[in-house]
Amino acid sequence: MISSELDAAGVRDPALREAYRCCRRLNAEHGRTFYLATRLLAPEQRPAVHALYGFARRADDILDDFDPSLTTAERAEHLQHLGTQLFSRMVSDRGDDDDPALAAVVDSARKYDIPWELFDDFLSSMRMDLTVTDYANRAALDRYMHGSAEVIGLQLLPVLGTVGPREEAAPYAAALGKAFQLTNFLRDVDEDLQRGRVYLPADELAAHHVDRDVLSWCHDHRRTDVRVRRALVEQHATTRRIYEYAQQGIALLAPRSRPCISAALTLYSQILDRIEDLDFAIFSQRATVGNGRRLRVAAGGLVKAWRTRLQEGRL
């Protein structure tokens, strides 16, 4: 299957094909919901999506590796090296490394004209994770999420294609990236707290008399304090509104890409459903969408994807 995808994408060089395969394995292993949605894309689109995921995963691994022997300075050095190597390959057309994530993402960026600035913004937000552990307000969190989430949607947009000018679809693509990340923030409050981070606006939490100490109490006692529940309900509603806005942009995508993005939006937003079903007991349970539900959504999307490709004569 992967060979046919690479053939469809015009990837012929053996080393580059292996680089794309490595990124695909990363996506399949770590991004299960996202990976399932990518199966709804046309074969020639999938390698670029895997490459973009693979690069983002490389940066995440530097930040979130639980190895206690790695200092913040060492993580910063690794992240700087990753950024320097990407810049050398993408902008200066030099490269003395054999990192498959870099080889594949640079090839995809050139093929789809994805600008360096989007990767630079991403790396800037990743550097924030080395030292920033709290966000005073929504504006501060939004600055972080532009690089960590919105640019992911903007990177994917050229691969997905649009029916009109790309800039018209860009705000919706950015919003969907933000919605996905806010969903993760809600689901992973407890896990992020263990890493010393809180990705919820401090002033909005404070309006419900919640601070880091209260969140830590919830972690220690494996239960959701009533004040925290009220704060999470508000965050949940905010994220819902962003999904509603982002959904309007699906019609602006190329028809063959719509089933994939619709499925991804449905599956990720259902994590919000699950959080609500758990009555926000996120300190004792992890909100997940079951395999059966994921497969049903994917199956429906697959039918739509095949129908669209048949109409376009792409099968």
C-alpha atoms as a PDB file:
ATOM      1  CA  MET A   1       0.000   0.000   0.000  1.00  0.00           C
ATOM      2  CA  ILE A   2       2.711   2.493   0.940  1.00  0.00           C
ATOM      3  CA  SER A   3       4.607   1.769  -2.270  1.00  0.00           C
ATOM      4  CA  SER A   4       1.546   2.580  -4.345  1.00  0.00           C
ATOM      5  CA  GLU A   5       1.081   5.836  -2.412  1.00  0.00           C
ATOM      6  CA  LEU A   6       4.679   6.837  -3.048  1.00  0.00           C
ATOM      7  CA  ASP A   7       4.353   5.893  -6.712  1.00  0.00           C
ATOM      8  CA  ALA A   8       1.208   8.019  -6.974  1.00  0.00           C
ATOM      9  CA  ALA A   9       3.034  10.929  -5.308  1.00  0.00           C
ATOM     10  CA  GLY A  10       5.929  10.618  -7.755  1.00  0.00           C
ATOM     11  CA  VAL A  11       8.523   9.736  -5.098  1.00  0.00           C
ATOM     12  CA  ARG A  12      11.172   7.648  -6.868  1.00  0.00           C
ATOM     13  CA  ASP A  13      14.416   8.079  -4.919  1.00  0.00           C
ATOM     14  CA  PRO A  14      14.947   5.000  -2.669  1.00  0.00           C
ATOM     15  CA  ALA A  15      16.284   6.994   0.298  1.00  0.00           C
ATOM     16  CA  LEU A  16      13.423   9.467   0.082  1.00  0.00           C
ATOM     17  CA  ARG A  17      10.891   6.647  -0.153  1.00  0.00           C
ATOM     18  CA  GLU A  18      12.286   5.193   3.062  1.00  0.00           C
ATOM     19  CA  ALA A  19      12.075   8.630   4.720  1.00  0.00           C
ATOM     20  CA  TYR A  20       8.380   8.822   3.856  1.00  0.00           C
ATOM     21  CA  ARG A  21       7.870   5.283   5.158  1.00  0.00           C
ATOM     22  CA  CYS A  22       9.390   6.306   8.512  1.00  0.00           C
ATOM     23  CA  CYS A  23       7.001   9.248   8.762  1.00  0.00           C
ATOM     24  CA  ARG A  24       4.057   7.026   7.901  1.00  0.00           C
ATOM     25  CA  ARG A  25       5.016   4.618  10.689  1.00  0.00           C
ATOM     26  CA  LEU A  26       5.193   7.504  13.171  1.00  0.00           C
ATOM     27  CA  ASN A  27       1.734   8.660  12.131  1.00  0.00           C
ATOM     28  CA  ALA A  28       0.252   5.172  12.374  1.00  0.00           C
ATOM     29  CA  GLU A  29       1.795   4.566  15.807  1.00  0.00           C
ATOM     30  CA  HIS A  30       1.200   7.900  17.531  1.00  0.00           C
ATOM     31  CA  GLY A  31      -1.612   9.676  15.667  1.00  0.00           C
ATOM     32  CA  ARG A  32      -4.222   6.951  15.440  1.00  0.00           C
ATOM     33  CA  THR A  33      -7.261   9.155  14.877  1.00  0.00           C
ATOM     34  CA  PHE A  34      -5.401  11.461  12.510  1.00  0.00           C
ATOM     35  CA  TYR A  35      -3.861   8.519  10.670  1.00  0.00           C
ATOM     36  CA  LEU A  36      -7.251   6.893  10.195  1.00  0.00           C
ATOM     37  CA  ALA A  37      -8.572  10.117   8.650  1.00  0.00           C
ATOM     38  CA  THR A  38      -5.603  10.311   6.259  1.00  0.00           C
ATOM     39  CA  ARG A  39      -6.665   6.972   4.768  1.00  0.00           C
ATOM     40  CA  LEU A  40      -9.578   8.892   3.221  1.00  0.00           C
ATOM     41  CA  LEU A  41      -7.244  11.098   1.195  1.00  0.00           C
ATOM     42  CA  ALA A  42      -6.185  10.293  -2.348  1.00  0.00           C
ATOM     43  CA  PRO A  43      -3.039   8.111  -2.385  1.00  0.00           C
ATOM     44  CA  GLU A  44      -0.842  10.864  -3.818  1.00  0.00           C
ATOM     45  CA  GLN A  45      -1.790  13.208  -0.941  1.00  0.00           C
ATOM     46  CA  ARG A  46      -0.986  10.850   1.915  1.00  0.00           C
ATOM     47  CA  PRO A  47       2.849  10.881   1.894  1.00  0.00           C
ATOM     48  CA  ALA A  48       2.991  14.664   2.362  1.00  0.00           C
ATOM     49  CA  VAL A  49       0.553  14.487   5.279  1.00  0.00           C
ATOM     50  CA  HIS A  50       2.636  11.731   6.890  1.00  0.00           C
ATOM     51  CA  ALA A  51       5.770  13.841   6.388  1.00  0.00           C
ATOM     52  CA  LEU A  52       4.249  16.887   8.067  1.00  0.00           C
ATOM     53  CA  TYR A  53       3.095  14.725  10.972  1.00  0.00           C
ATOM     54  CA  GLY A  54       6.527  13.107  11.210  1.00  0.00           C
ATOM     55  CA  PHE A  55       8.286  16.444  11.577  1.00  0.00           C
ATOM     56  CA  ALA A  56       5.837  17.680  14.213  1.00  0.00           C
ATOM     57  CA  ARG A  57       6.304  14.421  16.078  1.00  0.00           C
ATOM     58  CA  ARG A  58      10.090  14.845  16.069  1.00  0.00           C
ATOM     59  CA  ALA A  59       9.716  18.197  17.826  1.00  0.00           C
ATOM     60  CA  ASP A  60       7.153  16.819  20.287  1.00  0.00           C
ATOM     61  CA  ASP A  61       9.463  13.967  21.214  1.00  0.00           C
ATOM     62  CA  ILE A  62      12.241  16.408  22.088  1.00  0.00           C
ATOM     63  CA  LEU A  63       9.916  18.317  24.395  1.00  0.00           C
ATOM     64  CA  ASP A  64       7.943  15.512  25.995  1.00  0.00           C
ATOM     65  CA  ASP A  65      10.517  12.769  26.409  1.00  0.00           C
ATOM     66  CA  PHE A  66      10.208  11.781  30.071  1.00  0.00           C
ATOM     67  CA  ASP A  67      13.968  11.062  30.316  1.00  0.00           C
ATOM     68  CA  PRO A  68      14.854  12.875  33.581  1.00  0.00           C
ATOM     69  CA  SER A  69      18.517  13.113  32.602  1.00  0.00           C
ATOM     70  CA  LEU A  70      17.719  15.613  29.820  1.00  0.00           C
ATOM     71  CA  THR A  71      17.987  19.194  31.022  1.00  0.00           C
ATOM     72  CA  THR A  72      16.003  22.095  29.608  1.00  0.00           C
ATOM     73  CA  ALA A  73      19.200  23.395  28.034  1.00  0.00           C
ATOM     74  CA  GLU A  74      19.805  20.055  26.327  1.00  0.00           C
ATOM     75  CA  ARG A  75      16.249  19.930  25.006  1.00  0.00           C
ATOM     76  CA  ALA A  76      16.649  23.493  23.731  1.00  0.00           C
ATOM     77  CA  GLU A  77      19.861  22.474  21.995  1.00  0.00           C
ATOM     78  CA  HIS A  78      18.172  19.482  20.334  1.00  0.00           C
ATOM     79  CA  LEU A  79      15.275  21.654  19.192  1.00  0.00           C
ATOM     80  CA  GLN A  80      17.637  24.307  17.863  1.00  0.00           C
ATOM     81  CA  HIS A  81      19.551  21.646  15.958  1.00  0.00           C
ATOM     82  CA  LEU A  82      16.314  20.374  14.425  1.00  0.00           C
ATOM     83  CA  GLY A  83      15.365  23.878  13.314  1.00  0.00           C
ATOM     84  CA  THR A  84      18.825  24.622  11.953  1.00  0.00           C
ATOM     85  CA  GLN A  85      18.882  21.407   9.959  1.00  0.00           C
ATOM     86  CA  LEU A  86      15.438  22.110   8.526  1.00  0.00           C
ATOM     87  CA  PHE A  87      16.444  25.661   7.573  1.00  0.00           C
ATOM     88  CA  SER A  88      19.635  24.381   5.948  1.00  0.00           C
ATOM     89  CA  ARG A  89      17.711  21.892   3.854  1.00  0.00           C
ATOM     90  CA  MET A  90      14.674  23.995   3.004  1.00  0.00           C
ATOM     91  CA  VAL A  91      16.095  27.497   2.608  1.00  0.00           C
ATOM     92  CA  SER A  92      19.836  27.110   2.043  1.00  0.00           C
ATOM     93  CA  ASP A  93      19.517  23.829   0.124  1.00  0.00           C
ATOM     94  CA  ARG A  94      22.164  22.185   2.297  1.00  0.00           C
ATOM     95  CA  GLY A  95      21.914  19.173   4.515  1.00  0.00           C
ATOM     96  CA  ASP A  96      24.455  16.973   6.269  1.00  0.00           C
ATOM     97  CA  ASP A  97      22.018  14.916   8.346  1.00  0.00           C
ATOM     98  CA  ASP A  98      20.140  11.714   7.659  1.00  0.00           C
ATOM     99  CA  ASP A  99      16.963  12.531   9.595  1.00  0.00           C
ATOM    100  CA  PRO A 100      14.131  10.973   7.580  1.00  0.00           C
ATOM    101  CA  ALA A 101      11.528  13.363   8.976  1.00  0.00           C
ATOM    102  CA  LEU A 102      13.501  16.285   7.567  1.00  0.00           C
ATOM    103  CA  ALA A 103      14.098  14.724   4.165  1.00  0.00           C
ATOM    104  CA  ALA A 104      10.424  13.926   3.685  1.00  0.00           C
ATOM    105  CA  VAL A 105       9.042  17.217   5.001  1.00  0.00           C
ATOM    106  CA  VAL A 106      11.395  19.301   2.854  1.00  0.00           C
ATOM    107  CA  ASP A 107      10.427  17.315  -0.231  1.00  0.00           C
ATOM    108  CA  SER A 108       6.737  17.868   0.571  1.00  0.00           C
ATOM    109  CA  ALA A 109       7.222  21.561   1.335  1.00  0.00           C
ATOM    110  CA  ARG A 110       8.855  22.113  -2.028  1.00  0.00           C
ATOM    111  CA  LYS A 111       6.264  20.080  -3.885  1.00  0.00           C
ATOM    112  CA  TYR A 112       3.341  21.974  -2.347  1.00  0.00           C
ATOM    113  CA  ASP A 113       5.029  25.360  -1.892  1.00  0.00           C
ATOM    114  CA  ILE A 114       4.652  25.376   1.890  1.00  0.00           C
ATOM    115  CA  PRO A 115       6.620  28.394   3.158  1.00  0.00           C
ATOM    116  CA  TRP A 116       9.447  28.200   5.674  1.00  0.00           C
ATOM    117  CA  GLU A 117       7.689  30.783   7.859  1.00  0.00           C
ATOM    118  CA  LEU A 118       5.051  28.242   8.884  1.00  0.00           C
ATOM    119  CA  PHE A 119       7.731  25.864  10.142  1.00  0.00           C
ATOM    120  CA  ASP A 120       9.566  28.729  11.843  1.00  0.00           C
ATOM    121  CA  ASP A 121       6.377  29.734  13.675  1.00  0.00           C
ATOM    122  CA  PHE A 122       5.863  26.117  14.711  1.00  0.00           C
ATOM    123  CA  LEU A 123       9.382  25.860  16.122  1.00  0.00           C
ATOM    124  CA  SER A 124       8.945  29.162  17.970  1.00  0.00           C
ATOM    125  CA  SER A 125       5.942  27.763  19.842  1.00  0.00           C
ATOM    126  CA  MET A 126       7.824  24.546  20.556  1.00  0.00           C
ATOM    127  CA  ARG A 127      10.596  26.624  22.139  1.00  0.00           C
ATOM    128  CA  MET A 128       7.981  28.270  24.351  1.00  0.00           C
ATOM    129  CA  ASP A 129       7.194  24.847  25.818  1.00  0.00           C
ATOM    130  CA  LEU A 130      10.718  24.728  27.240  1.00  0.00           C
ATOM    131  CA  THR A 131      10.140  27.638  29.604  1.00  0.00           C
ATOM    132  CA  VAL A 132       6.475  28.676  29.581  1.00  0.00           C
ATOM    133  CA  THR A 133       4.298  26.609  31.898  1.00  0.00           C
ATOM    134  CA  ASP A 134       1.187  28.793  32.260  1.00  0.00           C
ATOM    135  CA  TYR A 135      -0.791  31.230  30.103  1.00  0.00           C
ATOM    136  CA  ALA A 136      -2.171  34.329  31.774  1.00  0.00           C
ATOM    137  CA  ASN A 137      -5.073  34.831  29.362  1.00  0.00           C
ATOM    138  CA  ARG A 138      -6.627  33.733  26.087  1.00  0.00           C
ATOM    139  CA  ALA A 139      -4.456  36.105  24.038  1.00  0.00           C
ATOM    140  CA  ALA A 140      -1.277  34.533  25.439  1.00  0.00           C
ATOM    141  CA  LEU A 141      -2.570  31.031  24.753  1.00  0.00           C
ATOM    142  CA  ASP A 142      -3.607  32.058  21.233  1.00  0.00           C
ATOM    143  CA  ARG A 143      -0.074  33.272  20.513  1.00  0.00           C
ATOM    144  CA  TYR A 144       1.247  29.879  21.482  1.00  0.00           C
ATOM    145  CA  MET A 145      -1.433  28.014  19.517  1.00  0.00           C
ATOM    146  CA  HIS A 146      -0.776  29.942  16.327  1.00  0.00           C
ATOM    147  CA  GLY A 147       2.568  28.185  16.017  1.00  0.00           C
ATOM    148  CA  SER A 148       1.662  24.919  17.677  1.00  0.00           C
ATOM    149  CA  ALA A 149      -1.723  24.268  16.031  1.00  0.00           C
ATOM    150  CA  GLU A 150      -2.943  26.854  13.528  1.00  0.00           C
ATOM    151  CA  VAL A 151       0.119  26.556  11.301  1.00  0.00           C
ATOM    152  CA  ILE A 152      -0.459  22.794  11.063  1.00  0.00           C
ATOM    153  CA  GLY A 153      -3.783  23.488   9.385  1.00  0.00           C
ATOM    154  CA  LEU A 154      -2.105  26.052   7.139  1.00  0.00           C
ATOM    155  CA  GLN A 155       0.662  23.593   6.203  1.00  0.00           C
ATOM    156  CA  LEU A 156      -1.904  20.963   5.249  1.00  0.00           C
ATOM    157  CA  LEU A 157      -4.048  23.319   3.185  1.00  0.00           C
ATOM    158  CA  PRO A 158      -1.910  23.205  -0.010  1.00  0.00           C
ATOM    159  CA  VAL A 159      -1.930  19.390   0.161  1.00  0.00           C
ATOM    160  CA  LEU A 160      -5.695  19.286   0.582  1.00  0.00           C
ATOM    161  CA  GLY A 161      -6.373  21.806  -2.160  1.00  0.00           C
ATOM    162  CA  THR A 162      -9.131  24.411  -2.346  1.00  0.00           C
ATOM    163  CA  VAL A 163     -11.897  25.317  -4.791  1.00  0.00           C
ATOM    164  CA  GLY A 164     -11.032  29.020  -4.619  1.00  0.00           C
ATOM    165  CA  PRO A 165      -8.168  31.197  -3.426  1.00  0.00           C
ATOM    166  CA  ARG A 166      -6.238  29.498  -0.663  1.00  0.00           C
ATOM    167  CA  GLU A 167      -6.370  32.591   1.540  1.00  0.00           C
ATOM    168  CA  GLU A 168     -10.168  32.313   1.748  1.00  0.00           C
ATOM    169  CA  ALA A 169      -9.927  28.843   3.285  1.00  0.00           C
ATOM    170  CA  ALA A 170      -6.931  29.666   5.498  1.00  0.00           C
ATOM    171  CA  PRO A 171      -8.815  31.061   8.548  1.00  0.00           C
ATOM    172  CA  TYR A 172     -10.964  27.931   8.727  1.00  0.00           C
ATOM    173  CA  ALA A 173      -7.966  25.611   8.363  1.00  0.00           C
ATOM    174  CA  ALA A 174      -6.205  27.480  11.169  1.00  0.00           C
ATOM    175  CA  ALA A 175      -9.321  27.304  13.341  1.00  0.00           C
ATOM    176  CA  LEU A 176      -9.595  23.538  12.876  1.00  0.00           C
ATOM    177  CA  GLY A 177      -5.994  23.084  13.965  1.00  0.00           C
ATOM    178  CA  LYS A 178      -6.775  25.193  17.031  1.00  0.00           C
ATOM    179  CA  ALA A 179      -9.931  23.195  17.812  1.00  0.00           C
ATOM    180  CA  PHE A 180      -8.007  19.921  17.648  1.00  0.00           C
ATOM    181  CA  GLN A 181      -5.372  21.211  20.042  1.00  0.00           C
ATOM    182  CA  LEU A 182      -7.880  22.692  22.480  1.00  0.00           C
ATOM    183  CA  THR A 183      -9.567  19.288  22.525  1.00  0.00           C
ATOM    184  CA  ASN A 184      -6.255  17.700  23.446  1.00  0.00           C
ATOM    185  CA  PHE A 185      -5.704  20.319  26.145  1.00  0.00           C
ATOM    186  CA  LEU A 186      -9.053  19.470  27.750  1.00  0.00           C
ATOM    187  CA  ARG A 187      -8.521  15.735  27.517  1.00  0.00           C
ATOM    188  CA  ASP A 188      -4.932  15.924  28.790  1.00  0.00           C
ATOM    189  CA  VAL A 189      -5.193  18.423  31.669  1.00  0.00           C
ATOM    190  CA  ASP A 190      -3.987  15.782  34.113  1.00  0.00           C
ATOM    191  CA  GLU A 191      -1.154  14.531  31.907  1.00  0.00           C
ATOM    192  CA  ASP A 192       0.049  18.039  31.103  1.00  0.00           C
ATOM    193  CA  LEU A 193      -0.035  18.911  34.800  1.00  0.00           C
ATOM    194  CA  GLN A 194       2.399  16.067  35.430  1.00  0.00           C
ATOM    195  CA  ARG A 195       4.736  17.723  32.923  1.00  0.00           C
ATOM    196  CA  GLY A 196       4.385  20.976  34.833  1.00  0.00           C
ATOM    197  CA  ARG A 197       2.208  22.702  32.233  1.00  0.00           C
ATOM    198  CA  VAL A 198      -1.297  24.155  32.250  1.00  0.00           C
ATOM    199  CA  TYR A 199      -2.727  24.974  28.823  1.00  0.00           C
ATOM    200  CA  LEU A 200      -5.874  26.753  30.023  1.00  0.00           C
ATOM    201  CA  PRO A 201      -6.069  30.560  30.392  1.00  0.00           C
ATOM    202  CA  ALA A 202      -5.303  31.421  34.012  1.00  0.00           C
ATOM    203  CA  ASP A 203      -7.712  34.346  34.161  1.00  0.00           C
ATOM    204  CA  GLU A 204     -10.604  32.215  32.883  1.00  0.00           C
ATOM    205  CA  LEU A 205      -9.800  29.560  35.487  1.00  0.00           C
ATOM    206  CA  ALA A 206      -9.538  32.212  38.191  1.00  0.00           C
ATOM    207  CA  ALA A 207     -13.079  33.369  37.386  1.00  0.00           C
ATOM    208  CA  HIS A 208     -14.151  29.998  38.835  1.00  0.00           C
ATOM    209  CA  HIS A 209     -11.655  30.198  41.744  1.00  0.00           C
ATOM    210  CA  VAL A 210      -9.364  27.642  40.100  1.00  0.00           C
ATOM    211  CA  ASP A 211      -5.573  27.824  40.056  1.00  0.00           C
ATOM    212  CA  ARG A 212      -2.697  25.379  39.750  1.00  0.00           C
ATOM    213  CA  ASP A 213      -3.042  24.302  43.385  1.00  0.00           C
ATOM    214  CA  VAL A 214      -6.681  23.357  42.863  1.00  0.00           C
ATOM    215  CA  LEU A 215      -5.779  21.401  39.711  1.00  0.00           C
ATOM    216  CA  SER A 216      -3.024  19.626  41.637  1.00  0.00           C
ATOM    217  CA  TRP A 217      -5.545  18.676  44.322  1.00  0.00           C
ATOM    218  CA  CYS A 218      -7.718  17.129  41.595  1.00  0.00           C
ATOM    219  CA  HIS A 219      -4.726  15.169  40.329  1.00  0.00           C
ATOM    220  CA  ASP A 220      -3.758  13.943  43.797  1.00  0.00           C
ATOM    221  CA  HIS A 221      -7.309  12.868  44.662  1.00  0.00           C
ATOM    222  CA  ARG A 222      -8.231  11.611  41.160  1.00  0.00           C
ATOM    223  CA  ARG A 223     -11.439  13.624  41.141  1.00  0.00           C
ATOM    224  CA  THR A 224     -12.773  16.839  39.609  1.00  0.00           C
ATOM    225  CA  ASP A 225     -13.510  19.596  42.080  1.00  0.00           C
ATOM    226  CA  VAL A 226     -16.830  21.348  41.413  1.00  0.00           C
ATOM    227  CA  ARG A 227     -15.036  24.613  40.674  1.00  0.00           C
ATOM    228  CA  VAL A 228     -12.811  22.889  38.146  1.00  0.00           C
ATOM    229  CA  ARG A 229     -15.813  21.275  36.536  1.00  0.00           C
ATOM    230  CA  ARG A 230     -17.437  24.682  36.009  1.00  0.00           C
ATOM    231  CA  ALA A 231     -14.219  25.995  34.466  1.00  0.00           C
ATOM    232  CA  LEU A 232     -13.932  22.973  32.173  1.00  0.00           C
ATOM    233  CA  VAL A 233     -17.541  23.351  31.045  1.00  0.00           C
ATOM    234  CA  GLU A 234     -16.714  26.883  29.922  1.00  0.00           C
ATOM    235  CA  GLN A 235     -13.561  25.748  28.086  1.00  0.00           C
ATOM    236  CA  HIS A 236     -15.552  22.940  26.492  1.00  0.00           C
ATOM    237  CA  ALA A 237     -18.132  25.416  25.141  1.00  0.00           C
ATOM    238  CA  THR A 238     -15.405  27.665  23.738  1.00  0.00           C
ATOM    239  CA  THR A 239     -13.879  24.739  21.866  1.00  0.00           C
ATOM    240  CA  ARG A 240     -17.284  23.721  20.490  1.00  0.00           C
ATOM    241  CA  ARG A 241     -17.731  27.182  18.994  1.00  0.00           C
ATOM    242  CA  ILE A 242     -14.370  26.965  17.240  1.00  0.00           C
ATOM    243  CA  TYR A 243     -15.358  23.612  15.707  1.00  0.00           C
ATOM    244  CA  GLU A 244     -18.590  25.179  14.461  1.00  0.00           C
ATOM    245  CA  TYR A 245     -16.653  27.972  12.787  1.00  0.00           C
ATOM    246  CA  ALA A 246     -14.031  25.634  11.302  1.00  0.00           C
ATOM    247  CA  GLN A 247     -16.683  23.337   9.854  1.00  0.00           C
ATOM    248  CA  GLN A 248     -17.822  26.120   7.547  1.00  0.00           C
ATOM    249  CA  GLY A 249     -14.487  25.899   5.732  1.00  0.00           C
ATOM    250  CA  ILE A 250     -14.860  22.295   4.604  1.00  0.00           C
ATOM    251  CA  ALA A 251     -16.921  23.398   1.598  1.00  0.00           C
ATOM    252  CA  LEU A 252     -13.942  25.512   0.496  1.00  0.00           C
ATOM    253  CA  LEU A 253     -11.669  22.459   0.219  1.00  0.00           C
ATOM    254  CA  ALA A 254     -11.161  20.409  -2.913  1.00  0.00           C
ATOM    255  CA  PRO A 255     -14.020  17.863  -3.038  1.00  0.00           C
ATOM    256  CA  ARG A 256     -11.704  14.859  -2.756  1.00  0.00           C
ATOM    257  CA  SER A 257     -10.302  16.187   0.553  1.00  0.00           C
ATOM    258  CA  ARG A 258     -13.618  16.915   2.238  1.00  0.00           C
ATOM    259  CA  PRO A 259     -14.365  13.353   3.471  1.00  0.00           C
ATOM    260  CA  CYS A 260     -11.005  13.218   5.274  1.00  0.00           C
ATOM    261  CA  ILE A 261     -11.398  16.548   7.042  1.00  0.00           C
ATOM    262  CA  SER A 262     -15.052  15.880   7.853  1.00  0.00           C
ATOM    263  CA  ALA A 263     -14.090  12.568   9.442  1.00  0.00           C
ATOM    264  CA  ALA A 264     -11.231  14.142  11.407  1.00  0.00           C
ATOM    265  CA  LEU A 265     -13.504  16.922  12.655  1.00  0.00           C
ATOM    266  CA  THR A 266     -16.186  14.416  13.650  1.00  0.00           C
ATOM    267  CA  LEU A 267     -13.786  12.097  15.485  1.00  0.00           C
ATOM    268  CA  TYR A 268     -11.937  14.832  17.349  1.00  0.00           C
ATOM    269  CA  SER A 269     -15.118  16.657  18.324  1.00  0.00           C
ATOM    270  CA  GLN A 270     -16.450  13.384  19.689  1.00  0.00           C
ATOM    271  CA  ILE A 271     -13.638  13.462  22.218  1.00  0.00           C
ATOM    272  CA  LEU A 272     -15.491  16.491  23.560  1.00  0.00           C
ATOM    273  CA  ASP A 273     -18.651  14.361  23.682  1.00  0.00           C
ATOM    274  CA  ARG A 274     -16.764  11.761  25.656  1.00  0.00           C
ATOM    275  CA  ILE A 275     -15.431  14.339  28.124  1.00  0.00           C
ATOM    276  CA  GLU A 276     -19.000  15.492  28.680  1.00  0.00           C
ATOM    277  CA  ASP A 277     -20.220  11.891  29.035  1.00  0.00           C
ATOM    278  CA  LEU A 278     -17.625  11.413  31.783  1.00  0.00           C
ATOM    279  CA  ASP A 279     -19.016  14.508  33.532  1.00  0.00           C
ATOM    280  CA  PHE A 280     -15.536  16.006  33.196  1.00  0.00           C
ATOM    281  CA  ALA A 281     -13.942  13.311  35.377  1.00  0.00           C
ATOM    282  CA  ILE A 282     -10.701  13.740  33.416  1.00  0.00           C
ATOM    283  CA  PHE A 283      -8.441  13.226  36.431  1.00  0.00           C
ATOM    284  CA  SER A 284      -9.502   9.597  36.808  1.00  0.00           C
ATOM    285  CA  GLN A 285     -10.310   8.589  33.215  1.00  0.00           C
ATOM    286  CA  ARG A 286      -9.018   9.362  29.738  1.00  0.00           C
ATOM    287  CA  ALA A 287     -11.646  10.475  27.232  1.00  0.00           C
ATOM    288  CA  THR A 288     -11.294   8.375  24.095  1.00  0.00           C
ATOM    289  CA  VAL A 289     -13.412   7.480  21.096  1.00  0.00           C
ATOM    290  CA  GLY A 290     -13.774   3.697  20.770  1.00  0.00           C
ATOM    291  CA  ASN A 291     -12.343   1.767  17.849  1.00  0.00           C
ATOM    292  CA  GLY A 292     -15.810   0.770  16.696  1.00  0.00           C
ATOM    293  CA  ARG A 293     -16.952   4.362  16.463  1.00  0.00           C
ATOM    294  CA  ARG A 294     -13.754   5.426  14.699  1.00  0.00           C
ATOM    295  CA  LEU A 295     -14.143   2.676  12.132  1.00  0.00           C
ATOM    296  CA  ARG A 296     -17.794   3.533  11.476  1.00  0.00           C
ATOM    297  CA  VAL A 297     -16.934   7.175  10.838  1.00  0.00           C
ATOM    298  CA  ALA A 298     -14.009   6.156   8.641  1.00  0.00           C
ATOM    299  CA  ALA A 299     -16.146   3.710   6.665  1.00  0.00           C
ATOM    300  CA  GLY A 300     -18.702   6.410   5.925  1.00  0.00           C
ATOM    301  CA  GLY A 301     -15.938   8.771   4.870  1.00  0.00           C
ATOM    302  CA  LEU A 302     -14.363   6.110   2.670  1.00  0.00           C
ATOM    303  CA  VAL A 303     -17.576   5.686   0.703  1.00  0.00           C
ATOM    304  CA  LYS A 304     -17.769   9.444   0.141  1.00  0.00           C
ATOM    305  CA  ALA A 305     -14.078   9.604  -0.804  1.00  0.00           C
ATOM    306  CA  TRP A 306     -14.366   6.822  -3.363  1.00  0.00           C
ATOM    307  CA  ARG A 307     -17.519   8.355  -4.825  1.00  0.00           C
ATOM    308  CA  THR A 308     -15.784  11.729  -5.238  1.00  0.00           C
ATOM    309  CA  ARG A 309     -12.703  10.171  -6.843  1.00  0.00           C
ATOM    310  CA  LEU A 310     -14.885   8.193  -9.224  1.00  0.00           C
ATOM    311  CA  GLN A 311     -16.618  11.392 -10.280  1.00  0.00           C
ATOM    312  CA  GLU A 312     -13.240  13.041 -10.819  1.00  0.00           C
ATOM    313  CA  GLY A 313     -11.894  10.004 -12.685  1.00  0.00           C
ATOM    314  CA  ARG A 314      -8.997   9.619 -10.227  1.00  0.00           C
ATOM    315  CA  LEU A 315      -9.435   5.925  -9.326  1.00  0.00           C
END
